[in-house]
């Protein structure tokens, strides 16, 4: 589920379109293999979700399988995002695909021999979730290697379309195989799908990355990603809105097998049809989104998605006819893709390239954490109060939360995040080892008393940038003997991390710094000094 970044012959010129990335053979081959792989994964998920209702009638057990699939992504998405930046992505993805193939092969054998239990099913589903957690950030990070920069957005949209094509085909096909031949055949089809994915990855000849003496190591990159997530207010808004929305909306996914069987009186094939309807609805929603975006803001789209999902859950609680239920699931699919693409699109728009994979991994952690907690909670609620009551409670909670949070506006994501490269190289008396630190940076300003409040506000805004890009502490100090002499200071864990800051500062950050500098009244530019921790005598 990745693709070769190897330079390919230039394809014939063609007008830009949503399908332009298919002009690149590498993207086209990997995209097709990914669709086949995802179809197999949906077949496996249908078999597991339905099989657990045969092994146990407990709603909590059904929800536990759903939680086992998403919990690893919640736990491992951030480490996976770091690994995607420091390992060979092609080899990493091949290893993950082989792990997932082993999981499905084990399920196939256990279900065929009749020894599969709820415990084994949950355990193997959890291992499969680990594979999904490792693969997700890597697949997102590899897209820019497959197509030129001008086609990246279209490639991301086509990946979303491919997932929903698989969602439309996989569940229905899995339900049909499950009903006709049993769970072992559905699991076997998933094993076969990995042949195509691994084959495409083996065909890919990804060139080795250029050596970079500032390349990050795992723990340093991990800390940098967490620092960015902790300091970014815009990212906090996206994460908060996503957590609340998916916490309530997860009820329909956690309870859908029971809705299909108990409220709607369907079999495994009908359950597959319902999931296929979700996929078809998502495809239709994706095609309608450009028109909706022209009329609604991101906040409006998220509110519309929540209202539609809440209404559908309320109607499903009444046990409608099966035909109407299929139509309702079409609406759920459209609402689901609207929420996913809106939140993911905003997250992409506010993230600079250097931390995109790790910050998106934080987003995936929150998303899957909300899905995991929601699945467990709604399973327990359904067990205590019944499926109908659980659906009505979740629908009411989603509608109320959406209305209240509509006032917490999502960021517009229009800032220019391209590197500005306007910071000069720091002056040093001799070569500094990259691992030496921490580093204290001082910038001296002269600010009139009348401008101090405005300067401090500008410094606070720029201080957020300092923390996002690598500072673990920062502030403003005043000279007791000369109140107009102010010193901005910040600390970075190593000299290498400070050099990375020089590469990370964006055009938008440069504008914030310019806003600070306009209050400086000195005849020359502010003086910048770098201080290093004194090395112990033994090292000198």
Protein backbone atom coordinates (compact mmCIF):
# COMPACT_ATOMS: atom_id res chain seq x y z
CA UNK A 1 0.00 0.00 0.00
CA UNK A 2 2.67 2.40 -1.01
CA UNK A 3 4.34 3.21 -4.23
CA UNK A 4 7.70 3.76 -5.82
CA UNK A 5 9.15 7.15 -5.75
CA UNK A 6 11.67 6.13 -8.35
CA UNK A 7 11.92 8.66 -11.16
CA UNK A 8 9.74 7.51 -13.99
CA UNK A 9 9.68 8.63 -17.61
CA UNK A 10 7.64 11.77 -18.01
CA UNK A 11 4.10 10.83 -19.11
CA UNK A 12 2.47 12.68 -21.94
CA UNK A 13 1.13 16.06 -20.97
CA UNK A 14 -2.52 15.97 -20.05
CA UNK A 15 -4.92 18.46 -18.64
CA UNK A 16 -5.05 18.55 -14.86
CA UNK A 17 -8.00 16.65 -13.43
CA UNK A 18 -9.07 14.66 -10.41
CA UNK A 19 -7.74 11.52 -12.14
CA UNK A 20 -4.40 13.02 -13.21
CA UNK A 21 -2.34 10.87 -10.77
CA UNK A 22 -3.29 7.77 -12.78
CA UNK A 23 -0.95 9.06 -15.50
CA UNK A 24 1.89 7.89 -13.28
CA UNK A 25 2.30 4.08 -13.54
CA UNK A 26 3.72 3.75 -10.04
CA UNK A 27 0.72 5.40 -8.43
CA UNK A 28 -1.74 3.49 -10.63
CA UNK A 29 -0.24 0.08 -9.77
CA UNK A 30 0.01 0.76 -6.04
CA UNK A 31 -3.50 2.28 -5.98
CA UNK A 32 -5.01 -0.80 -7.67
CA UNK A 33 -3.16 -3.17 -5.33
CA UNK A 34 -4.33 -1.14 -2.34
CA UNK A 35 -7.95 -1.35 -3.45
CA UNK A 36 -7.65 -5.14 -3.76
CA UNK A 37 -5.98 -5.34 -0.34
CA UNK A 38 -8.67 -3.23 1.28
CA UNK A 39 -11.42 -5.35 -0.29
CA UNK A 40 -9.83 -8.37 1.38
CA UNK A 41 -9.57 -6.52 4.69
CA UNK A 42 -13.26 -5.62 4.60
CA UNK A 43 -14.09 -9.27 3.88
CA UNK A 44 -12.09 -10.28 6.95
CA UNK A 45 -13.79 -7.63 9.09
CA UNK A 46 -17.27 -8.73 8.00
CA UNK A 47 -16.44 -12.34 8.81
CA UNK A 48 -15.09 -11.42 12.25
CA UNK A 49 -17.96 -9.06 13.11
CA UNK A 50 -20.57 -11.63 12.16
CA UNK A 51 -18.76 -14.64 13.56
CA UNK A 52 -18.61 -13.11 17.03
CA UNK A 53 -22.42 -12.95 17.08
CA UNK A 54 -22.40 -16.76 16.60
CA UNK A 55 -19.75 -17.29 19.25
CA UNK A 56 -21.40 -14.98 21.81
CA UNK A 57 -24.72 -13.17 21.94
CA UNK A 58 -23.32 -10.50 24.27
CA UNK A 59 -23.33 -6.92 22.87
CA UNK A 60 -20.18 -6.29 24.91
CA UNK A 61 -18.39 -9.13 23.10
CA UNK A 62 -19.43 -7.72 19.72
CA UNK A 63 -18.19 -4.27 20.66
CA UNK A 64 -14.97 -5.77 22.06
CA UNK A 65 -14.01 -7.05 18.60
CA UNK A 66 -14.56 -3.56 17.18
CA UNK A 67 -12.45 -2.08 19.97
CA UNK A 68 -9.66 -4.63 19.45
CA UNK A 69 -9.31 -3.44 15.85
CA UNK A 70 -8.98 0.25 16.75
CA UNK A 71 -7.18 0.17 20.11
CA UNK A 72 -3.72 -0.60 18.60
CA UNK A 73 -4.06 2.39 16.27
CA UNK A 74 -4.83 4.53 19.29
CA UNK A 75 -1.76 3.19 21.10
CA UNK A 76 0.74 2.95 18.25
CA UNK A 77 -0.13 5.60 15.68
CA UNK A 78 2.45 8.11 16.94
CA UNK A 79 5.36 5.62 17.11
CA UNK A 80 4.28 4.40 13.67
CA UNK A 81 4.41 7.97 12.37
CA UNK A 82 7.97 8.28 13.65
CA UNK A 83 8.98 4.94 12.10
CA UNK A 84 7.58 6.03 8.76
CA UNK A 85 10.11 8.88 8.77
CA UNK A 86 13.23 6.93 9.78
CA UNK A 87 12.85 3.47 8.14
CA UNK A 88 12.82 2.34 4.53
CA UNK A 89 9.10 2.64 3.86
CA UNK A 90 8.96 -0.04 1.17
CA UNK A 91 10.52 -2.74 3.34
CA UNK A 92 8.53 -1.61 6.34
CA UNK A 93 5.25 -1.94 4.45
CA UNK A 94 6.16 -5.36 3.06
CA UNK A 95 6.83 -6.61 6.60
CA UNK A 96 3.48 -5.22 7.79
CA UNK A 97 1.61 -6.86 4.90
CA UNK A 98 3.18 -10.23 5.74
CA UNK A 99 2.11 -9.81 9.38
CA UNK A 100 -1.48 -9.11 8.34
CA UNK A 101 -1.47 -12.09 5.96
CA UNK A 102 -0.39 -14.34 8.86
CA UNK A 103 -3.27 -13.00 10.99
CA UNK A 104 -5.86 -13.81 8.33
CA UNK A 105 -4.29 -17.22 7.65
CA UNK A 106 -4.56 -18.04 11.36
CA UNK A 107 -8.22 -16.98 11.42
CA UNK A 108 -8.86 -19.10 8.34
CA UNK A 109 -7.37 -22.24 9.90
CA UNK A 110 -8.99 -21.73 13.32
CA UNK A 111 -12.46 -21.08 11.87
CA UNK A 112 -12.17 -24.05 9.46
CA UNK A 113 -11.24 -26.43 12.27
CA UNK A 114 -13.97 -25.07 14.53
CA UNK A 115 -11.67 -24.13 17.43
CA UNK A 116 -11.98 -20.35 17.11
CA UNK A 117 -13.14 -18.70 20.35
CA UNK A 118 -14.06 -15.15 21.26
CA UNK A 119 -10.71 -14.78 23.04
CA UNK A 120 -8.72 -15.94 20.01
CA UNK A 121 -10.80 -13.77 17.69
CA UNK A 122 -10.22 -10.69 19.83
CA UNK A 123 -6.49 -11.45 20.15
CA UNK A 124 -5.93 -11.93 16.42
CA UNK A 125 -8.05 -8.88 15.65
CA UNK A 126 -5.82 -6.92 18.02
CA UNK A 127 -2.68 -8.11 16.18
CA UNK A 128 -4.33 -7.11 12.91
CA UNK A 129 -4.97 -3.70 14.43
CA UNK A 130 -1.26 -3.42 15.20
CA UNK A 131 -0.53 -3.97 11.52
CA UNK A 132 -3.08 -1.33 10.55
CA UNK A 133 -1.55 1.09 13.06
CA UNK A 134 1.93 0.63 11.61
CA UNK A 135 0.72 0.94 8.03
CA UNK A 136 -1.57 4.01 8.24
CA UNK A 137 0.91 6.88 8.74
CA UNK A 138 3.42 5.29 6.36
CA UNK A 139 0.89 5.04 3.55
CA UNK A 140 -0.12 8.68 4.00
CA UNK A 141 3.51 9.81 4.10
CA UNK A 142 4.44 7.95 0.90
CA UNK A 143 1.91 9.66 -1.39
CA UNK A 144 4.16 12.63 -2.32
CA UNK A 145 6.73 10.10 -3.59
CA UNK A 146 4.31 8.68 -6.14
CA UNK A 147 3.23 11.77 -8.02
CA UNK A 148 4.53 15.29 -8.64
CA UNK A 149 3.61 17.96 -6.12
CA UNK A 150 0.89 19.37 -8.38
CA UNK A 151 -0.98 16.03 -8.23
CA UNK A 152 -0.62 15.30 -4.50
CA UNK A 153 -4.07 16.59 -3.50
CA UNK A 154 -5.74 14.63 -6.29
CA UNK A 155 -3.78 11.52 -5.25
CA UNK A 156 -4.99 11.88 -1.65
CA UNK A 157 -8.58 12.22 -2.90
CA UNK A 158 -8.19 9.13 -5.11
CA UNK A 159 -6.87 7.16 -2.13
CA UNK A 160 -10.02 8.08 -0.21
CA UNK A 161 -12.11 7.08 -3.22
CA UNK A 162 -10.25 3.75 -3.40
CA UNK A 163 -10.98 3.00 0.24
CA UNK A 164 -14.67 3.60 -0.33
CA UNK A 165 -14.72 1.56 -3.53
CA UNK A 166 -13.31 -1.26 -1.41
CA UNK A 167 -15.87 -0.49 1.29
CA UNK A 168 -18.65 -0.80 -1.28
CA UNK A 169 -17.38 -4.12 -2.69
CA UNK A 170 -15.63 -5.85 0.21
CA UNK A 171 -18.43 -6.08 2.80
CA UNK A 172 -21.01 -7.26 0.26
CA UNK A 173 -18.60 -9.83 -1.21
CA UNK A 174 -17.54 -10.90 2.26
CA UNK A 175 -21.13 -11.29 3.39
CA UNK A 176 -21.93 -13.39 0.31
CA UNK A 177 -18.90 -15.67 0.86
CA UNK A 178 -19.74 -15.92 4.55
CA UNK A 179 -23.33 -16.92 3.87
CA UNK A 180 -22.46 -19.36 1.08
CA UNK A 181 -19.22 -20.99 2.23
CA UNK A 182 -18.47 -19.92 5.79
CA UNK A 183 -15.98 -17.69 7.55
CA UNK A 184 -12.87 -19.65 6.57
CA UNK A 185 -13.40 -18.89 2.86
CA UNK A 186 -13.86 -15.18 3.58
CA UNK A 187 -10.60 -15.18 5.56
CA UNK A 188 -8.92 -17.10 2.74
CA UNK A 189 -9.95 -14.42 0.25
CA UNK A 190 -8.24 -11.84 2.44
CA UNK A 191 -5.03 -13.91 2.50
CA UNK A 192 -5.10 -14.01 -1.30
CA UNK A 193 -5.46 -10.22 -1.50
CA UNK A 194 -2.09 -9.74 0.20
CA UNK A 195 -0.39 -11.47 -2.73
CA UNK A 196 -1.31 -8.51 -4.92
CA UNK A 197 -0.21 -5.91 -2.37
CA UNK A 198 3.13 -7.55 -1.58
CA UNK A 199 3.72 -8.13 -5.31
CA UNK A 200 3.20 -4.43 -6.05
CA UNK A 201 5.56 -3.45 -3.23
CA UNK A 202 8.23 -5.88 -4.47
CA UNK A 203 7.85 -4.38 -7.97
CA UNK A 204 8.49 -0.92 -6.55
CA UNK A 205 12.12 0.16 -6.76
CA UNK A 206 12.22 2.99 -4.27
CA UNK A 207 15.57 4.82 -4.34
CA UNK A 208 17.54 5.18 -1.15
CA UNK A 209 17.07 8.55 0.50
CA UNK A 210 19.91 11.02 0.47
CA UNK A 211 22.05 11.11 3.60
CA UNK A 212 21.22 14.01 5.88
CA UNK A 213 23.49 14.82 8.79
CA UNK A 214 20.47 16.41 10.49
CA UNK A 215 18.23 13.35 10.07
CA UNK A 216 16.25 12.60 13.21
CA UNK A 217 16.46 9.51 15.38
CA UNK A 218 13.43 7.76 16.81
CA UNK A 219 13.22 9.26 20.29
CA UNK A 220 14.22 12.74 19.18
CA UNK A 221 11.65 12.67 16.37
CA UNK A 222 9.08 11.31 18.80
CA UNK A 223 9.67 14.17 21.23
CA UNK A 224 9.61 16.75 18.43
CA UNK A 225 6.26 15.47 17.20
CA UNK A 226 4.74 15.57 20.67
CA UNK A 227 6.12 19.07 21.28
CA UNK A 228 4.50 20.28 18.10
CA UNK A 229 1.15 18.69 18.97
CA UNK A 230 1.28 20.12 22.49
CA UNK A 231 2.04 23.66 21.26
CA UNK A 232 -0.31 23.92 18.26
CA UNK A 233 -3.62 25.55 19.24
CA UNK A 234 -5.11 24.97 15.78
CA UNK A 235 -4.36 21.26 16.01
CA UNK A 236 -5.99 21.16 19.45
CA UNK A 237 -9.24 22.47 17.95
CA UNK A 238 -9.23 19.81 15.22
CA UNK A 239 -8.43 17.03 17.68
CA UNK A 240 -11.13 18.14 20.11
CA UNK A 241 -13.82 18.36 17.46
CA UNK A 242 -12.82 14.97 16.04
CA UNK A 243 -12.78 13.27 19.44
CA UNK A 244 -16.30 14.38 20.37
CA UNK A 245 -17.82 13.69 16.95
CA UNK A 246 -16.45 10.16 16.60
CA UNK A 247 -17.05 9.25 20.23
CA UNK A 248 -20.81 9.50 19.65
CA UNK A 249 -20.87 8.50 15.96
CA UNK A 250 -18.98 5.26 16.74
CA UNK A 251 -22.18 3.77 18.15
CA UNK A 252 -23.50 2.89 14.72
CA UNK A 253 -20.31 0.97 13.84
CA UNK A 254 -20.09 -0.81 17.19
CA UNK A 255 -23.72 -1.94 17.12
CA UNK A 256 -24.30 -2.49 13.38
CA UNK A 257 -23.97 -6.32 13.48
CA UNK A 258 -26.60 -6.43 16.23
CA UNK A 259 -28.78 -3.88 14.43
CA UNK A 260 -28.70 -6.04 11.29
CA UNK A 261 -29.48 -9.27 13.13
CA UNK A 262 -31.82 -8.27 15.96
CA UNK A 263 -33.54 -5.05 14.93
CA UNK A 264 -33.75 -5.70 11.20
CA UNK A 265 -33.91 -9.51 11.15
CA UNK A 266 -31.14 -9.90 8.58
CA UNK A 267 -28.50 -12.55 7.95
CA UNK A 268 -24.78 -12.32 7.18
CA UNK A 269 -25.42 -11.42 3.54
CA UNK A 270 -27.72 -8.57 4.57
CA UNK A 271 -25.08 -7.30 7.00
CA UNK A 272 -22.64 -7.21 4.08
CA UNK A 273 -25.21 -5.29 2.03
CA UNK A 274 -25.52 -2.71 4.80
CA UNK A 275 -21.76 -2.21 4.92
CA UNK A 276 -21.67 -2.03 1.13
CA UNK A 277 -24.36 0.66 1.29
CA UNK A 278 -22.11 2.66 3.59
CA UNK A 279 -19.33 2.41 1.02
CA UNK A 280 -21.59 3.43 -1.86
CA UNK A 281 -22.92 6.31 0.18
CA UNK A 282 -19.36 7.42 0.90
CA UNK A 283 -18.55 7.39 -2.83
CA UNK A 284 -21.64 9.44 -3.56
CA UNK A 285 -20.80 11.79 -0.71
CA UNK A 286 -17.27 12.24 -2.02
CA UNK A 287 -18.64 13.21 -5.44
CA UNK A 288 -21.05 15.71 -3.85
CA UNK A 289 -18.51 17.26 -1.51
CA UNK A 290 -17.11 19.82 -3.98
CA UNK A 291 -20.60 21.31 -4.41
CA UNK A 292 -21.23 21.24 -0.67
CA UNK A 293 -17.90 22.94 0.05
CA UNK A 294 -18.89 25.75 -2.29
CA UNK A 295 -21.92 26.46 -0.08
CA UNK A 296 -20.85 25.36 3.40
CA UNK A 297 -17.80 26.01 5.55
CA UNK A 298 -15.89 23.19 7.23
CA UNK A 299 -17.91 23.82 10.38
CA UNK A 300 -21.15 23.65 8.40
CA UNK A 301 -20.16 20.35 6.80
CA UNK A 302 -19.29 18.82 10.16
CA UNK A 303 -22.61 19.97 11.65
CA UNK A 304 -24.53 18.56 8.66
CA UNK A 305 -22.72 15.23 9.01
CA UNK A 306 -23.57 15.02 12.71
CA UNK A 307 -27.25 15.85 12.17
CA UNK A 308 -27.64 13.24 9.40
CA UNK A 309 -25.88 10.55 11.43
CA UNK A 310 -27.98 11.31 14.52
CA UNK A 311 -31.24 11.16 12.56
CA UNK A 312 -30.26 7.85 10.95
CA UNK A 313 -29.45 6.29 14.33
CA UNK A 314 -32.79 7.46 15.71
CA UNK A 315 -34.69 5.91 12.79
CA UNK A 316 -32.72 2.65 12.98
CA UNK A 317 -33.69 2.38 16.64
CA UNK A 318 -37.29 2.02 15.48
CA UNK A 319 -36.45 -1.12 13.46
CA UNK A 320 -37.42 0.10 9.94
CA UNK A 321 -37.94 -2.20 6.93
CA UNK A 322 -34.73 -3.62 5.50
CA UNK A 323 -35.01 -1.63 2.26
CA UNK A 324 -35.29 1.64 4.19
CA UNK A 325 -32.35 0.61 6.37
CA UNK A 326 -30.18 0.22 3.26
CA UNK A 327 -31.13 3.76 2.17
CA UNK A 328 -30.34 5.06 5.65
CA UNK A 329 -26.89 3.45 5.54
CA UNK A 330 -26.27 5.21 2.22
CA UNK A 331 -26.85 8.48 4.09
CA UNK A 332 -24.54 7.37 6.90
CA UNK A 333 -21.79 6.69 4.35
CA UNK A 334 -22.15 10.15 2.82
CA UNK A 335 -22.18 11.81 6.25
CA UNK A 336 -19.22 9.75 7.42
CA UNK A 337 -17.01 10.66 4.44
CA UNK A 338 -17.98 14.32 4.84
CA UNK A 339 -16.80 14.33 8.46
CA UNK A 340 -13.63 12.35 7.74
CA UNK A 341 -12.51 14.43 4.77
CA UNK A 342 -13.42 17.71 6.44
CA UNK A 343 -11.44 17.04 9.60
CA UNK A 344 -8.56 15.36 7.80
CA UNK A 345 -8.42 18.16 5.23
CA UNK A 346 -8.25 20.83 7.92
CA UNK A 347 -5.53 18.88 9.73
CA UNK A 348 -3.51 18.58 6.50
CA UNK A 349 -3.91 22.31 5.82
CA UNK A 350 -2.53 23.44 9.18
CA UNK A 351 0.50 21.12 9.26
CA UNK A 352 3.95 21.91 7.83
CA UNK A 353 5.67 19.17 5.87
CA UNK A 354 8.41 18.46 8.40
CA UNK A 355 5.95 17.19 11.03
CA UNK A 356 3.02 16.15 8.86
CA UNK A 357 3.37 12.39 9.39
CA UNK A 358 3.77 12.62 13.15
CA UNK A 359 0.99 15.17 13.63
CA UNK A 360 -1.35 13.15 11.42
CA UNK A 361 -0.44 10.18 13.60
CA UNK A 362 -1.62 12.19 16.61
CA UNK A 363 -4.87 12.84 14.74
CA UNK A 364 -5.20 9.10 14.01
CA UNK A 365 -4.56 8.38 17.68
CA UNK A 366 -7.39 10.66 18.74
CA UNK A 367 -9.71 9.34 16.03
CA UNK A 368 -9.11 5.70 16.88
CA UNK A 369 -9.12 6.42 20.59
CA UNK A 370 -12.57 7.94 20.23
CA UNK A 371 -13.71 4.96 18.16
CA UNK A 372 -12.27 2.49 20.67
CA UNK A 373 -13.74 4.16 23.76
CA UNK A 374 -17.01 4.72 21.94
CA UNK A 375 -17.26 1.09 20.83
CA UNK A 376 -16.68 -0.17 24.36
CA UNK A 377 -19.05 2.35 25.94
CA UNK A 378 -21.90 1.83 23.49
CA UNK A 379 -21.53 -1.94 23.75
CA UNK A 380 -21.89 -1.71 27.52
CA UNK A 381 -24.78 0.75 27.24
CA UNK A 382 -26.56 -1.59 24.80
CA UNK A 383 -26.01 -4.51 27.15
CA UNK A 384 -27.52 -2.63 30.07
CA UNK A 385 -30.31 -0.69 28.35
CA UNK A 386 -30.87 -2.42 25.01
CA UNK A 387 -29.80 -1.66 21.44
CA UNK A 388 -32.64 0.81 20.79
CA UNK A 389 -31.90 2.87 23.88
CA UNK A 390 -28.17 2.94 23.11
CA UNK A 391 -28.85 4.24 19.59
CA UNK A 392 -31.19 6.95 20.86
CA UNK A 393 -28.77 8.06 23.57
CA UNK A 394 -25.86 8.28 21.14
CA UNK A 395 -27.99 10.13 18.57
CA UNK A 396 -29.08 12.71 21.13
CA UNK A 397 -25.53 13.13 22.42
CA UNK A 398 -24.14 13.60 18.90
CA UNK A 399 -26.74 16.22 17.98
CA UNK A 400 -26.31 18.22 21.20
CA UNK A 401 -22.49 18.08 21.07
CA UNK A 402 -22.45 19.16 17.42
CA UNK A 403 -24.67 22.15 18.15
CA UNK A 404 -22.56 23.25 21.12
CA UNK A 405 -19.17 22.78 19.43
CA UNK A 406 -20.28 24.50 16.24
CA UNK A 407 -19.20 27.74 17.92
CA UNK A 408 -15.63 26.42 18.32
CA UNK A 409 -14.56 27.23 14.78
CA UNK A 410 -12.19 24.98 12.89
CA UNK A 411 -9.03 26.77 11.66
CA UNK A 412 -9.15 27.96 8.07
CA UNK A 413 -5.73 26.54 7.22
CA UNK A 414 -4.77 29.32 4.81
CA UNK A 415 -1.34 30.16 6.29
CA UNK A 416 1.72 29.75 4.07
CA UNK A 417 3.64 26.88 5.70
CA UNK A 418 6.44 26.61 3.15
CA UNK A 419 9.93 27.07 4.69
CA UNK A 420 11.02 30.70 4.65
CA UNK A 421 14.75 30.00 5.09
CA UNK A 422 15.17 33.57 6.34
CA UNK A 423 17.16 32.73 9.46
CA UNK A 424 20.92 33.05 8.88
CA UNK A 425 23.23 30.24 9.94
CA UNK A 426 24.21 30.70 13.59
CA UNK A 427 27.71 32.07 14.16
CA UNK A 428 30.10 29.74 16.01
CA UNK A 429 33.70 30.09 17.07
CA UNK A 430 34.38 26.43 16.31
CA UNK A 431 32.51 23.40 15.05
CA UNK A 432 29.73 22.31 17.42
CA UNK A 433 28.81 18.65 17.81
CA UNK A 434 25.20 18.01 16.84
CA UNK A 435 24.34 16.14 20.03
CA UNK A 436 25.63 18.91 22.29
CA UNK A 437 23.00 20.66 24.34
CA UNK A 438 20.79 22.00 25.63
CA UNK A 439 21.11 25.25 23.70
CA UNK A 440 20.02 28.64 25.06
CA UNK A 441 19.22 31.29 22.42
CA UNK A 442 18.93 34.97 23.42
CA UNK A 443 17.54 37.74 21.18
CA UNK A 444 17.95 41.28 22.47
CA UNK A 445 15.39 44.00 21.57
CA UNK A 446 14.88 47.64 22.47
CA UNK A 447 11.17 48.39 22.91
CA UNK A 448 9.60 51.69 24.00
CA UNK A 449 7.53 51.49 27.17
CA UNK A 450 4.41 52.54 25.28
CA UNK A 451 4.81 49.55 22.92
CA UNK A 452 5.60 46.94 25.55
CA UNK A 453 2.09 45.45 25.80
CA UNK A 454 1.75 45.14 22.02
CA UNK A 455 5.26 43.65 21.80
CA UNK A 456 4.42 41.06 24.46
CA UNK A 457 1.26 40.02 22.59
CA UNK A 458 3.26 39.59 19.38
CA UNK A 459 5.94 37.68 21.32
CA UNK A 460 3.31 35.34 22.78
CA UNK A 461 2.07 34.51 19.29
CA UNK A 462 5.60 33.93 18.04
CA UNK A 463 6.39 31.94 21.19
CA UNK A 464 3.87 29.32 20.08
CA UNK A 465 5.90 28.96 16.88
CA UNK A 466 9.11 28.56 18.88
CA UNK A 467 7.56 25.72 20.87
CA UNK A 468 6.03 24.07 17.80
CA UNK A 469 9.36 24.03 15.97
CA UNK A 470 11.48 22.62 18.77
CA UNK A 471 11.83 24.87 21.84
CA UNK A 472 10.90 23.21 25.12
CA UNK A 473 10.89 26.51 27.06
CA UNK A 474 10.75 30.17 26.07
CA UNK A 475 9.95 33.59 27.50
CA UNK A 476 10.69 37.33 27.65
CA UNK A 477 12.90 38.99 30.30
CA UNK A 478 13.54 42.64 31.18
CA UNK A 479 16.83 44.32 32.06
CA UNK A 480 16.41 45.66 35.60
CA UNK A 481 18.81 48.53 34.85
CA UNK A 482 17.31 49.39 31.46
CA UNK A 483 13.55 48.60 31.20
CA UNK A 484 13.52 49.24 27.45
CA UNK A 485 16.01 46.40 26.92
CA UNK A 486 14.04 43.16 26.55
CA UNK A 487 15.50 39.75 25.88
CA UNK A 488 13.59 36.91 24.25
CA UNK A 489 14.97 33.50 25.22
CA UNK A 490 14.22 29.92 24.30
CA UNK A 491 15.86 26.56 24.95
CA UNK A 492 16.33 23.64 22.56
CA UNK A 493 17.48 20.16 23.54
CA UNK A 494 20.46 19.98 21.15
CA UNK A 495 22.46 21.92 18.58
CA UNK A 496 21.11 19.68 15.81
CA UNK A 497 17.54 20.42 16.88
CA UNK A 498 18.26 24.16 16.74
CA UNK A 499 19.67 23.77 13.21
CA UNK A 500 16.46 21.94 12.30
CA UNK A 501 14.51 24.94 13.63
CA UNK A 502 16.22 27.05 10.98
CA UNK A 503 14.82 24.72 8.32
CA UNK A 504 11.36 24.46 9.89
CA UNK A 505 10.42 28.14 10.24
CA UNK A 506 7.69 28.94 7.68
CA UNK A 507 6.56 31.98 5.73
CA UNK A 508 3.67 32.40 8.18
CA UNK A 509 6.15 32.26 11.08
CA UNK A 510 8.27 34.89 9.34
CA UNK A 511 5.23 37.17 9.28
CA UNK A 512 4.81 36.69 13.05
CA UNK A 513 8.45 37.54 13.59
CA UNK A 514 8.10 40.66 11.43
CA UNK A 515 5.19 41.72 13.65
CA UNK A 516 7.52 41.51 16.65
CA UNK A 517 10.38 43.33 14.96
CA UNK A 518 8.32 46.40 14.13
CA UNK A 519 8.42 47.34 17.83
CA UNK A 520 12.22 47.17 17.94
CA UNK A 521 13.64 50.72 18.03
CA UNK A 522 17.36 50.00 17.99
CA UNK A 523 19.54 51.33 15.19
CA UNK A 524 20.54 47.78 14.23
CA UNK A 525 18.81 44.41 14.06
CA UNK A 526 18.28 42.58 17.37
CA UNK A 527 21.40 40.83 18.61
CA UNK A 528 21.18 37.01 18.64
CA UNK A 529 23.43 34.93 20.88
CA UNK A 530 23.71 31.16 21.28
CA UNK A 531 24.86 29.55 24.52
CA UNK A 532 25.81 25.90 24.96
CA UNK A 533 26.03 23.89 28.15
CA UNK A 534 29.65 23.79 29.24
CA UNK A 535 31.19 20.39 28.57
CA UNK A 536 32.51 18.46 31.59
CA UNK A 537 36.29 18.66 32.01
CA UNK A 538 36.65 14.94 31.27
CA UNK A 539 35.46 15.48 27.70
CA UNK A 540 37.83 18.36 26.94
